[in-house]
């Protein structure tokens, strides 16, 4: 899986509990997908182990992970 420097340096240091298999799951099995105005793609999926929906944001290529976080405000 490709990631941005921001993801590896900032996101994972602030959220070390995130598991790469969760991120891969969201990319493969999103329950919602949205394209932001800047072209980045948001995807959500419920992660049972986390007990929350995880939002994963990729670059416009749809493969390079830029951000990931539990989305407390997500409504299915």
C-alpha atoms as a PDB file:
ATOM      1  CA  UNK A   1       0.000   0.000   0.000  1.00  0.00           C
ATOM      2  CA  UNK A   2       1.304   3.427  -0.932  1.00  0.00           C
ATOM      3  CA  UNK A   3       1.225   6.239   1.627  1.00  0.00           C
ATOM      4  CA  UNK A   4       2.134   9.909   1.686  1.00  0.00           C
ATOM      5  CA  UNK A   5       4.951  11.268   3.814  1.00  0.00           C
ATOM      6  CA  UNK A   6       2.311  13.104   5.845  1.00  0.00           C
ATOM      7  CA  UNK A   7       0.591   9.808   6.638  1.00  0.00           C
ATOM      8  CA  UNK A   8       3.722   7.984   7.759  1.00  0.00           C
ATOM      9  CA  UNK A   9       5.268  10.905   9.650  1.00  0.00           C
ATOM     10  CA  UNK A  10       2.247  12.606  11.177  1.00  0.00           C
ATOM     11  CA  UNK A  11      -0.867  10.432  11.133  1.00  0.00           C
ATOM     12  CA  UNK A  12       0.707   7.199  12.345  1.00  0.00           C
ATOM     13  CA  UNK A  13       2.690   8.980  15.062  1.00  0.00           C
ATOM     14  CA  UNK A  14      -0.522  10.589  16.402  1.00  0.00           C
ATOM     15  CA  UNK A  15      -2.631   7.431  15.966  1.00  0.00           C
ATOM     16  CA  UNK A  16      -0.316   4.452  16.583  1.00  0.00           C
ATOM     17  CA  UNK A  17      -3.329   2.233  17.378  1.00  0.00           C
ATOM     18  CA  UNK A  18      -4.379   2.240  13.703  1.00  0.00           C
ATOM     19  CA  UNK A  19      -3.751  -1.044  11.952  1.00  0.00           C
ATOM     20  CA  UNK A  20      -2.821  -1.215   8.299  1.00  0.00           C
ATOM     21  CA  UNK A  21      -5.241  -4.122   7.799  1.00  0.00           C
ATOM     22  CA  UNK A  22      -8.078  -1.819   8.895  1.00  0.00           C
ATOM     23  CA  UNK A  23      -7.040   0.749   6.313  1.00  0.00           C
ATOM     24  CA  UNK A  24      -6.831  -1.923   3.618  1.00  0.00           C
ATOM     25  CA  UNK A  25     -10.286  -3.166   4.622  1.00  0.00           C
ATOM     26  CA  UNK A  26     -11.776   0.324   4.253  1.00  0.00           C
ATOM     27  CA  UNK A  27     -10.182   0.724   0.812  1.00  0.00           C
ATOM     28  CA  UNK A  28     -11.585  -2.617  -0.372  1.00  0.00           C
ATOM     29  CA  UNK A  29     -14.987  -2.578   1.369  1.00  0.00           C
ATOM     30  CA  UNK A  30     -16.204   1.004   1.849  1.00  0.00           C
ATOM     31  CA  UNK A  31     -19.808   1.568   2.839  1.00  0.00           C
ATOM     32  CA  UNK A  32     -19.581   5.142   1.523  1.00  0.00           C
ATOM     33  CA  UNK A  33     -17.221   6.921  -0.857  1.00  0.00           C
ATOM     34  CA  UNK A  34     -17.021  10.663  -1.541  1.00  0.00           C
ATOM     35  CA  UNK A  35     -14.725  12.770  -3.698  1.00  0.00           C
ATOM     36  CA  UNK A  36     -13.576  16.018  -2.098  1.00  0.00           C
ATOM     37  CA  UNK A  37     -13.314  19.253  -4.094  1.00  0.00           C
ATOM     38  CA  UNK A  38      -9.509  18.850  -4.153  1.00  0.00           C
ATOM     39  CA  UNK A  39      -9.871  15.393  -5.756  1.00  0.00           C
ATOM     40  CA  UNK A  40      -8.977  13.375  -2.677  1.00  0.00           C
ATOM     41  CA  UNK A  41     -11.243  10.413  -1.996  1.00  0.00           C
ATOM     42  CA  UNK A  42     -12.866   9.653   1.360  1.00  0.00           C
ATOM     43  CA  UNK A  43     -13.975   6.137   2.214  1.00  0.00           C
ATOM     44  CA  UNK A  44     -15.656   4.807   5.352  1.00  0.00           C
ATOM     45  CA  UNK A  45     -16.185   1.364   6.828  1.00  0.00           C
ATOM     46  CA  UNK A  46     -17.098   0.089  10.266  1.00  0.00           C
ATOM     47  CA  UNK A  47     -14.178  -1.551  12.072  1.00  0.00           C
ATOM     48  CA  UNK A  48     -15.530  -3.991  14.649  1.00  0.00           C
ATOM     49  CA  UNK A  49     -12.309  -4.119  16.674  1.00  0.00           C
ATOM     50  CA  UNK A  50     -12.243  -0.312  16.874  1.00  0.00           C
ATOM     51  CA  UNK A  51     -15.979  -0.071  17.533  1.00  0.00           C
ATOM     52  CA  UNK A  52     -16.229   2.912  15.172  1.00  0.00           C
ATOM     53  CA  UNK A  53     -16.289   3.901  11.538  1.00  0.00           C
ATOM     54  CA  UNK A  54     -12.844   4.547  10.123  1.00  0.00           C
ATOM     55  CA  UNK A  55     -12.427   7.262   7.494  1.00  0.00           C
ATOM     56  CA  UNK A  56      -9.545   6.787   5.067  1.00  0.00           C
ATOM     57  CA  UNK A  57      -8.568   9.603   2.718  1.00  0.00           C
ATOM     58  CA  UNK A  58      -6.539   8.857  -0.388  1.00  0.00           C
ATOM     59  CA  UNK A  59      -4.915  10.994  -3.029  1.00  0.00           C
ATOM     60  CA  UNK A  60      -6.934  11.346  -6.266  1.00  0.00           C
ATOM     61  CA  UNK A  61      -5.326   8.122  -7.569  1.00  0.00           C
ATOM     62  CA  UNK A  62      -7.483   6.250  -5.031  1.00  0.00           C
ATOM     63  CA  UNK A  63      -4.523   4.183  -3.827  1.00  0.00           C
ATOM     64  CA  UNK A  64      -2.129   6.475  -1.955  1.00  0.00           C
ATOM     65  CA  UNK A  65      -3.298   6.816   1.668  1.00  0.00           C
ATOM     66  CA  UNK A  66      -3.052  10.374   3.002  1.00  0.00           C
ATOM     67  CA  UNK A  67      -5.082  10.270   6.231  1.00  0.00           C
ATOM     68  CA  UNK A  68      -7.054   7.862   8.429  1.00  0.00           C
ATOM     69  CA  UNK A  69      -8.994   8.381  11.619  1.00  0.00           C
ATOM     70  CA  UNK A  70     -12.019   7.165  13.566  1.00  0.00           C
ATOM     71  CA  UNK A  71     -14.930   9.323  12.405  1.00  0.00           C
ATOM     72  CA  UNK A  72     -17.067   9.968  15.472  1.00  0.00           C
ATOM     73  CA  UNK A  73     -19.618  11.984  13.516  1.00  0.00           C
ATOM     74  CA  UNK A  74     -20.220   9.483  10.708  1.00  0.00           C
ATOM     75  CA  UNK A  75     -23.873   8.669  10.067  1.00  0.00           C
ATOM     76  CA  UNK A  76     -24.545   5.611   7.908  1.00  0.00           C
END
